[in-house]
Amino acid sequence: MYQNVLIPTDGSDGTRRAIEHGLAIANRFGGRVHALSIVPEGPFGTMTSGEVTVGAERAVQYVEREAERVGVPITTAIERGVPHERVLAYAEENDVDVIVMGTQGRTGLDRFLVGSVTERIVRMAEPPVVTLRMTDDVELEDPTEAIRIARRSLEERSGDEPTPADQSEAGGNVESTDEPNQTDEPDPTDEPTAFEDPYRTSGAWVVPLETDDGPVDVHVDAVTGAVRTTAARE
């Protein structure tokens, strides 16, 4: 039934669930996966071509590794052109039975581009198209997870170990996600400065953190868990 499963990929987190689902379909029906990455041309294709090409190579290599891991045969391809046009052309040229793809990239322009490409393919494709979101809606209901993501983001950027507001003083119930030191007692001087609890806006958690350079607000997308912005507090 599904002998040729096409997975367009840009290497973003938004394609991971599509890759897993596409491989599962191919495995179930004894089919082959086609991993296709597009180096875009046009208004958004003027970015450093070398970097985009390397990203495309890494994207299909990831699918190749996953396919080999589960024993699914795979064909990889990297093409240049307008993304939705090249995906549709590839599907026709290779007798694709189903297209499996993500509906969004990480954030910002990336999310807009991936969503727009998917929408065009859904409307114009001859074979059926299965679309998957990067995550389920309302992924971050618990501020504890938002704090963890915000802390990790700042640590990756600067090596700092930012601390959230002291929940016991602020009246919250968020527990620290840090592991206790195995040999030393907690140092009272390391206690976080209490100023605010994390709070929820319409689409994000705002996590106030204290760093060596002063307080900052980290905005964590409530749906995807991506860090949108980090701004110094005035």
C-alpha atoms as a PDB file:
ATOM      1  CA  MET A   1       0.000   0.000   0.000  1.00  0.00           C
ATOM      2  CA  TYR A   2       2.674   2.497   1.039  1.00  0.00           C
ATOM      3  CA  GLN A   3       5.796   1.365  -0.808  1.00  0.00           C
ATOM      4  CA  ASN A   4       7.379   4.814  -1.142  1.00  0.00           C
ATOM      5  CA  VAL A   5       7.155   7.175   1.832  1.00  0.00           C
ATOM      6  CA  LEU A   6       8.512  10.688   1.295  1.00  0.00           C
ATOM      7  CA  ILE A   7       9.794  12.636   4.310  1.00  0.00           C
ATOM      8  CA  PRO A   8      10.799  16.221   3.471  1.00  0.00           C
ATOM      9  CA  THR A   9      13.171  17.445   6.177  1.00  0.00           C
ATOM     10  CA  ASP A  10      14.990  20.656   7.055  1.00  0.00           C
ATOM     11  CA  GLY A  11      16.690  19.186  10.109  1.00  0.00           C
ATOM     12  CA  SER A  12      14.590  21.178  12.574  1.00  0.00           C
ATOM     13  CA  ASP A  13      12.870  19.775  15.648  1.00  0.00           C
ATOM     14  CA  GLY A  14       9.578  20.161  13.798  1.00  0.00           C
ATOM     15  CA  THR A  15      10.482  17.266  11.505  1.00  0.00           C
ATOM     16  CA  ARG A  16      11.427  14.734  14.201  1.00  0.00           C
ATOM     17  CA  ARG A  17       7.918  13.413  14.777  1.00  0.00           C
ATOM     18  CA  ALA A  18       7.348  13.252  11.013  1.00  0.00           C
ATOM     19  CA  ILE A  19      10.522  11.174  10.628  1.00  0.00           C
ATOM     20  CA  GLU A  20       9.413   8.752  13.341  1.00  0.00           C
ATOM     21  CA  HIS A  21       5.938   8.448  11.831  1.00  0.00           C
ATOM     22  CA  GLY A  22       7.204   8.059   8.270  1.00  0.00           C
ATOM     23  CA  LEU A  23       9.612   5.316   9.292  1.00  0.00           C
ATOM     24  CA  ALA A  24       6.827   3.541  11.179  1.00  0.00           C
ATOM     25  CA  ILE A  25       4.615   3.572   8.073  1.00  0.00           C
ATOM     26  CA  ALA A  26       7.399   2.239   5.847  1.00  0.00           C
ATOM     27  CA  ASN A  27       8.271  -0.434   8.382  1.00  0.00           C
ATOM     28  CA  ARG A  28       4.647  -1.519   8.744  1.00  0.00           C
ATOM     29  CA  PHE A  29       4.090  -1.939   4.987  1.00  0.00           C
ATOM     30  CA  GLY A  30       7.574  -3.068   3.984  1.00  0.00           C
ATOM     31  CA  GLY A  31       8.188   0.131   2.074  1.00  0.00           C
ATOM     32  CA  ARG A  32      11.068   2.488   1.379  1.00  0.00           C
ATOM     33  CA  VAL A  33      11.622   5.925   2.885  1.00  0.00           C
ATOM     34  CA  HIS A  34      12.760   8.853   0.763  1.00  0.00           C
ATOM     35  CA  ALA A  35      14.457  11.595   2.793  1.00  0.00           C
ATOM     36  CA  LEU A  36      14.439  14.849   0.842  1.00  0.00           C
ATOM     37  CA  SER A  37      15.986  18.155   1.869  1.00  0.00           C
ATOM     38  CA  ILE A  38      15.696  21.312  -0.210  1.00  0.00           C
ATOM     39  CA  VAL A  39      18.264  24.083  -0.509  1.00  0.00           C
ATOM     40  CA  PRO A  40      15.834  26.944  -1.163  1.00  0.00           C
ATOM     41  CA  GLU A  41      16.047  29.459  -3.959  1.00  0.00           C
ATOM     42  CA  GLY A  42      14.057  32.649  -4.257  1.00  0.00           C
ATOM     43  CA  PRO A  43      13.502  35.403  -1.642  1.00  0.00           C
ATOM     44  CA  PHE A  44      14.539  33.171   1.264  1.00  0.00           C
ATOM     45  CA  GLY A  45      17.266  31.306  -0.605  1.00  0.00           C
ATOM     46  CA  THR A  46      19.873  34.060  -0.537  1.00  0.00           C
ATOM     47  CA  MET A  47      21.206  32.998   2.870  1.00  0.00           C
ATOM     48  CA  THR A  48      24.747  31.647   2.935  1.00  0.00           C
ATOM     49  CA  SER A  49      24.443  28.777   0.475  1.00  0.00           C
ATOM     50  CA  GLY A  50      27.251  26.747   1.997  1.00  0.00           C
ATOM     51  CA  GLU A  51      25.670  26.709   5.448  1.00  0.00           C
ATOM     52  CA  VAL A  52      22.254  25.826   4.034  1.00  0.00           C
ATOM     53  CA  THR A  53      23.736  22.962   2.005  1.00  0.00           C
ATOM     54  CA  VAL A  54      25.560  21.569   5.039  1.00  0.00           C
ATOM     55  CA  GLY A  55      22.315  21.772   7.013  1.00  0.00           C
ATOM     56  CA  ALA A  56      20.487  19.875   4.266  1.00  0.00           C
ATOM     57  CA  GLU A  57      23.153  17.165   4.260  1.00  0.00           C
ATOM     58  CA  ARG A  58      22.906  16.764   8.015  1.00  0.00           C
ATOM     59  CA  ALA A  59      19.119  16.608   7.806  1.00  0.00           C
ATOM     60  CA  VAL A  60      19.054  13.662   5.403  1.00  0.00           C
ATOM     61  CA  GLN A  61      21.937  11.947   7.204  1.00  0.00           C
ATOM     62  CA  TYR A  62      19.883  11.983  10.399  1.00  0.00           C
ATOM     63  CA  VAL A  63      16.968  10.261   8.650  1.00  0.00           C
ATOM     64  CA  GLU A  64      19.396   7.772   7.117  1.00  0.00           C
ATOM     65  CA  ARG A  65      20.768   6.834  10.539  1.00  0.00           C
ATOM     66  CA  GLU A  66      17.280   6.419  11.972  1.00  0.00           C
ATOM     67  CA  ALA A  67      16.205   4.284   9.006  1.00  0.00           C
ATOM     68  CA  GLU A  68      19.231   2.029   9.362  1.00  0.00           C
ATOM     69  CA  ARG A  69      18.523   1.695  13.069  1.00  0.00           C
ATOM     70  CA  VAL A  70      15.025   0.309  12.451  1.00  0.00           C
ATOM     71  CA  GLY A  71      15.927  -1.621   9.291  1.00  0.00           C
ATOM     72  CA  VAL A  72      13.997   0.448   6.748  1.00  0.00           C
ATOM     73  CA  PRO A  73      15.512   0.900   3.255  1.00  0.00           C
ATOM     74  CA  ILE A  74      16.126   4.546   2.399  1.00  0.00           C
ATOM     75  CA  THR A  75      16.909   6.849  -0.508  1.00  0.00           C
ATOM     76  CA  THR A  76      18.297  10.302   0.273  1.00  0.00           C
ATOM     77  CA  ALA A  77      18.234  13.365  -1.940  1.00  0.00           C
ATOM     78  CA  ILE A  78      19.205  17.030  -1.738  1.00  0.00           C
ATOM     79  CA  GLU A  79      17.738  19.361  -4.335  1.00  0.00           C
ATOM     80  CA  ARG A  80      17.721  23.091  -5.039  1.00  0.00           C
ATOM     81  CA  GLY A  81      14.677  25.147  -5.826  1.00  0.00           C
ATOM     82  CA  VAL A  82      11.412  26.405  -4.400  1.00  0.00           C
ATOM     83  CA  PRO A  83      10.700  23.957  -1.539  1.00  0.00           C
ATOM     84  CA  HIS A  84       7.074  23.064  -2.203  1.00  0.00           C
ATOM     85  CA  GLU A  85       7.663  22.779  -5.957  1.00  0.00           C
ATOM     86  CA  ARG A  86      10.622  20.449  -5.539  1.00  0.00           C
ATOM     87  CA  VAL A  87       8.793  18.261  -3.013  1.00  0.00           C
ATOM     88  CA  LEU A  88       5.818  17.899  -5.357  1.00  0.00           C
ATOM     89  CA  ALA A  89       8.075  17.165  -8.339  1.00  0.00           C
ATOM     90  CA  TYR A  90      10.060  14.568  -6.394  1.00  0.00           C
ATOM     91  CA  ALA A  91       6.858  12.860  -5.279  1.00  0.00           C
ATOM     92  CA  GLU A  92       5.661  12.579  -8.875  1.00  0.00           C
ATOM     93  CA  GLU A  93       9.028  11.440 -10.268  1.00  0.00           C
ATOM     94  CA  ASN A  94       9.460   8.704  -7.648  1.00  0.00           C
ATOM     95  CA  ASP A  95       5.907   7.302  -7.457  1.00  0.00           C
ATOM     96  CA  VAL A  96       5.527   8.413  -3.842  1.00  0.00           C
ATOM     97  CA  ASP A  97       2.512   6.882  -2.099  1.00  0.00           C
ATOM     98  CA  VAL A  98       2.390   9.196   0.932  1.00  0.00           C
ATOM     99  CA  ILE A  99       4.167  12.352   2.107  1.00  0.00           C
ATOM    100  CA  VAL A 100       4.853  12.713   5.829  1.00  0.00           C
ATOM    101  CA  MET A 101       6.031  16.089   7.093  1.00  0.00           C
ATOM    102  CA  GLY A 102       6.062  18.496  10.015  1.00  0.00           C
ATOM    103  CA  THR A 103       3.926  21.610  10.201  1.00  0.00           C
ATOM    104  CA  GLN A 104       6.437  23.927  11.847  1.00  0.00           C
ATOM    105  CA  GLY A 105      10.100  24.641  12.374  1.00  0.00           C
ATOM    106  CA  ARG A 106      11.683  25.894  15.572  1.00  0.00           C
ATOM    107  CA  THR A 107      10.693  29.540  15.850  1.00  0.00           C
ATOM    108  CA  GLY A 108      10.168  32.798  13.986  1.00  0.00           C
ATOM    109  CA  LEU A 109      10.920  32.807  10.248  1.00  0.00           C
ATOM    110  CA  ASP A 110      11.743  29.101  10.312  1.00  0.00           C
ATOM    111  CA  ARG A 111       8.292  28.307  11.683  1.00  0.00           C
ATOM    112  CA  PHE A 112       6.605  30.536   9.093  1.00  0.00           C
ATOM    113  CA  LEU A 113       8.508  28.986   6.191  1.00  0.00           C
ATOM    114  CA  VAL A 114       7.935  25.373   7.188  1.00  0.00           C
ATOM    115  CA  GLY A 115       4.238  25.973   7.887  1.00  0.00           C
ATOM    116  CA  SER A 116       3.765  27.759   4.575  1.00  0.00           C
ATOM    117  CA  VAL A 117       5.526  24.997   2.602  1.00  0.00           C
ATOM    118  CA  THR A 118       3.439  22.310   4.299  1.00  0.00           C
ATOM    119  CA  GLU A 119       0.206  24.165   3.582  1.00  0.00           C
ATOM    120  CA  ARG A 120       1.015  24.420  -0.132  1.00  0.00           C
ATOM    121  CA  ILE A 121       1.961  20.750  -0.367  1.00  0.00           C
ATOM    122  CA  VAL A 122      -1.250  19.664   1.384  1.00  0.00           C
ATOM    123  CA  ARG A 123      -3.296  21.638  -1.164  1.00  0.00           C
ATOM    124  CA  MET A 124      -1.386  20.620  -4.281  1.00  0.00           C
ATOM    125  CA  ALA A 125      -0.051  17.086  -3.722  1.00  0.00           C
ATOM    126  CA  GLU A 126      -1.455  14.113  -5.616  1.00  0.00           C
ATOM    127  CA  PRO A 127      -0.626  11.480  -2.943  1.00  0.00           C
ATOM    128  CA  PRO A 128      -2.035  11.813   0.598  1.00  0.00           C
ATOM    129  CA  VAL A 129      -0.114  14.063   2.992  1.00  0.00           C
ATOM    130  CA  VAL A 130       0.265  13.289   6.698  1.00  0.00           C
ATOM    131  CA  THR A 131       1.200  16.327   8.797  1.00  0.00           C
ATOM    132  CA  LEU A 132       2.456  16.288  12.367  1.00  0.00           C
ATOM    133  CA  ARG A 133       3.027  19.121  14.794  1.00  0.00           C
ATOM    134  CA  MET A 134       6.367  19.342  16.582  1.00  0.00           C
ATOM    135  CA  THR A 135       4.582  18.979  19.928  1.00  0.00           C
ATOM    136  CA  ASP A 136       1.063  18.711  21.233  1.00  0.00           C
ATOM    137  CA  ASP A 137      -0.729  21.947  22.057  1.00  0.00           C
ATOM    138  CA  VAL A 138      -0.328  23.427  25.522  1.00  0.00           C
ATOM    139  CA  GLU A 139       2.765  21.401  26.217  1.00  0.00           C
ATOM    140  CA  LEU A 140       3.976  23.531  29.135  1.00  0.00           C
ATOM    141  CA  GLU A 141       1.250  23.751  31.741  1.00  0.00           C
ATOM    142  CA  ASP A 142       3.696  23.421  34.636  1.00  0.00           C
ATOM    143  CA  PRO A 143       6.031  26.379  35.321  1.00  0.00           C
ATOM    144  CA  THR A 144       8.627  23.926  36.625  1.00  0.00           C
ATOM    145  CA  GLU A 145       9.366  22.796  33.072  1.00  0.00           C
ATOM    146  CA  ALA A 146       9.498  26.400  31.830  1.00  0.00           C
ATOM    147  CA  ILE A 147      12.085  27.198  34.516  1.00  0.00           C
ATOM    148  CA  ARG A 148      14.151  24.173  33.531  1.00  0.00           C
ATOM    149  CA  ILE A 149      14.156  25.161  29.850  1.00  0.00           C
ATOM    150  CA  ALA A 150      14.979  28.798  30.631  1.00  0.00           C
ATOM    151  CA  ARG A 151      17.853  27.847  32.919  1.00  0.00           C
ATOM    152  CA  ARG A 152      19.290  25.420  30.390  1.00  0.00           C
ATOM    153  CA  SER A 153      19.092  28.045  27.641  1.00  0.00           C
ATOM    154  CA  LEU A 154      21.078  30.587  29.643  1.00  0.00           C
ATOM    155  CA  GLU A 155      23.603  27.998  30.781  1.00  0.00           C
ATOM    156  CA  GLU A 156      24.224  26.966  27.176  1.00  0.00           C
ATOM    157  CA  ARG A 157      24.750  30.576  26.137  1.00  0.00           C
ATOM    158  CA  SER A 158      26.974  31.833  28.908  1.00  0.00           C
ATOM    159  CA  GLY A 159      27.902  29.022  31.256  1.00  0.00           C
ATOM    160  CA  ASP A 160      26.089  30.856  34.081  1.00  0.00           C
ATOM    161  CA  GLU A 161      23.853  29.023  36.511  1.00  0.00           C
ATOM    162  CA  PRO A 162      20.857  31.366  36.739  1.00  0.00           C
ATOM    163  CA  THR A 163      18.397  30.922  39.582  1.00  0.00           C
ATOM    164  CA  PRO A 164      14.615  31.430  39.595  1.00  0.00           C
ATOM    165  CA  ALA A 165      12.728  33.368  42.213  1.00  0.00           C
ATOM    166  CA  ASP A 166      12.636  31.816  45.704  1.00  0.00           C
ATOM    167  CA  GLN A 167       9.276  30.091  45.497  1.00  0.00           C
ATOM    168  CA  SER A 168       8.869  29.716  49.248  1.00  0.00           C
ATOM    169  CA  GLU A 169       9.066  33.472  49.757  1.00  0.00           C
ATOM    170  CA  ALA A 170       7.070  34.300  46.643  1.00  0.00           C
ATOM    171  CA  GLY A 171       4.233  31.943  47.577  1.00  0.00           C
ATOM    172  CA  GLY A 172       4.661  29.520  44.660  1.00  0.00           C
ATOM    173  CA  ASN A 173       5.143  25.808  44.730  1.00  0.00           C
ATOM    174  CA  VAL A 174       7.735  25.265  42.009  1.00  0.00           C
ATOM    175  CA  GLU A 175      10.548  22.954  43.067  1.00  0.00           C
ATOM    176  CA  SER A 176      14.109  23.302  41.870  1.00  0.00           C
ATOM    177  CA  THR A 177      15.153  20.829  39.188  1.00  0.00           C
ATOM    178  CA  ASP A 178      18.827  20.949  40.231  1.00  0.00           C
ATOM    179  CA  GLU A 179      20.381  17.841  41.736  1.00  0.00           C
ATOM    180  CA  PRO A 180      21.781  18.440  45.237  1.00  0.00           C
ATOM    181  CA  ASN A 181      25.532  18.405  45.701  1.00  0.00           C
ATOM    182  CA  GLN A 182      26.508  14.919  46.780  1.00  0.00           C
ATOM    183  CA  THR A 183      29.272  15.967  49.156  1.00  0.00           C
ATOM    184  CA  ASP A 184      28.661  19.502  50.338  1.00  0.00           C
ATOM    185  CA  GLU A 185      25.869  21.109  52.307  1.00  0.00           C
ATOM    186  CA  PRO A 186      23.983  23.886  50.477  1.00  0.00           C
ATOM    187  CA  ASP A 187      25.714  27.238  50.702  1.00  0.00           C
ATOM    188  CA  PRO A 188      23.329  29.874  52.100  1.00  0.00           C
ATOM    189  CA  THR A 189      24.999  32.489  49.900  1.00  0.00           C
ATOM    190  CA  ASP A 190      23.768  30.581  46.833  1.00  0.00           C
ATOM    191  CA  GLU A 191      20.101  31.101  47.708  1.00  0.00           C
ATOM    192  CA  PRO A 192      18.223  32.720  44.803  1.00  0.00           C
ATOM    193  CA  THR A 193      17.105  36.312  44.999  1.00  0.00           C
ATOM    194  CA  ALA A 194      13.326  36.462  45.259  1.00  0.00           C
ATOM    195  CA  PHE A 195      11.654  38.892  42.933  1.00  0.00           C
ATOM    196  CA  GLU A 196       8.821  37.154  40.966  1.00  0.00           C
ATOM    197  CA  ASP A 197       7.250  33.807  40.085  1.00  0.00           C
ATOM    198  CA  PRO A 198       7.175  32.709  36.433  1.00  0.00           C
ATOM    199  CA  TYR A 199       3.955  33.890  34.824  1.00  0.00           C
ATOM    200  CA  ARG A 200       1.964  32.880  31.750  1.00  0.00           C
ATOM    201  CA  THR A 201       1.071  35.130  28.813  1.00  0.00           C
ATOM    202  CA  SER A 202      -1.207  34.070  25.954  1.00  0.00           C
ATOM    203  CA  GLY A 203       1.524  32.086  24.211  1.00  0.00           C
ATOM    204  CA  ALA A 204       4.532  31.888  26.510  1.00  0.00           C
ATOM    205  CA  TRP A 205       5.893  31.521  29.996  1.00  0.00           C
ATOM    206  CA  VAL A 206       7.945  34.490  31.209  1.00  0.00           C
ATOM    207  CA  VAL A 207      10.629  33.213  33.582  1.00  0.00           C
ATOM    208  CA  PRO A 208      12.489  35.838  35.660  1.00  0.00           C
ATOM    209  CA  LEU A 209      16.008  34.607  36.422  1.00  0.00           C
ATOM    210  CA  GLU A 210      19.006  36.035  38.220  1.00  0.00           C
ATOM    211  CA  THR A 211      22.389  35.818  36.457  1.00  0.00           C
ATOM    212  CA  ASP A 212      25.846  37.152  37.250  1.00  0.00           C
ATOM    213  CA  ASP A 213      25.066  40.092  34.957  1.00  0.00           C
ATOM    214  CA  GLY A 214      21.764  40.870  36.642  1.00  0.00           C
ATOM    215  CA  PRO A 215      18.111  39.843  36.316  1.00  0.00           C
ATOM    216  CA  VAL A 216      16.693  38.726  32.966  1.00  0.00           C
ATOM    217  CA  ASP A 217      13.309  37.615  31.626  1.00  0.00           C
ATOM    218  CA  VAL A 218      13.338  34.448  29.524  1.00  0.00           C
ATOM    219  CA  HIS A 219      10.285  33.883  27.303  1.00  0.00           C
ATOM    220  CA  VAL A 220       9.533  30.178  26.736  1.00  0.00           C
ATOM    221  CA  ASP A 221       6.978  29.227  24.071  1.00  0.00           C
ATOM    222  CA  ALA A 222       4.091  27.485  25.842  1.00  0.00           C
ATOM    223  CA  VAL A 223       3.392  25.185  22.877  1.00  0.00           C
ATOM    224  CA  THR A 224       6.807  24.227  21.490  1.00  0.00           C
ATOM    225  CA  GLY A 225       9.029  24.821  24.518  1.00  0.00           C
ATOM    226  CA  ALA A 226      11.376  26.927  22.395  1.00  0.00           C
ATOM    227  CA  VAL A 227      13.094  29.932  23.977  1.00  0.00           C
ATOM    228  CA  ARG A 228      11.794  32.974  22.132  1.00  0.00           C
ATOM    229  CA  THR A 229      13.694  35.845  23.720  1.00  0.00           C
ATOM    230  CA  THR A 230      15.932  36.665  26.632  1.00  0.00           C
ATOM    231  CA  ALA A 231      15.787  40.269  27.776  1.00  0.00           C
ATOM    232  CA  ALA A 232      17.543  42.113  30.594  1.00  0.00           C
ATOM    233  CA  ARG A 233      15.184  43.362  33.278  1.00  0.00           C
ATOM    234  CA  GLU A 234      15.057  47.089  33.845  1.00  0.00           C
END
